[in-house]
Amino acid sequence: MKRERTELGKVLKKFREERGLTIRKLAEISGVGNGTIGDIESGKSNGSKKTLNILSEVLKLTKEERNTLDSAFLGRKVMPSEDPRVLNMSKGKRLELDDFLKDAVLFFQNESISDEDKQKLFDSLQEAFFEIKLANKRKK
């Protein structure tokens, strides 16, 4: 039985091919097994966050491309924040927030939640991140 390629598989293959790489070459330069890459592209596996991070770095994905890959991995659109606190953060802190939100959102990946409720959840998680940061700053 042939599996249908997932959105993640399509996106990864597109980015790999745009860079002129074969699965074998991407595996060679990334250290990720060519079977793993092939499984992700064919829809047999979704891979792990760690694997996608490695492949993203090797493929030198732009922020927009990385959001596309993350959206495919999570099964929903990654929504950038308009919050001025986020816009004024350093790149390192913004990456820390992005990782926090992506990790947290994985818990709700397979839930039937409306887009409006997903946005509320996302905003609440972001607010919690800032509260934790503020509390930690006060402890110092």
Foldseek 3Di string as FASTA:
>chain_A
DADAFAQLLVLLVVLCVVVVHDLVRLCVVQVPDSVQNVCNNRVVDLDDPVVLVSSCVVSVDDPVSSQSNLCRSLVHGDDDDPPVVLVPDDPVVNVVLVVQLSVVSSVCSPPPDDPVVVVVVSVVSSVVVVVVVVVVVVVD
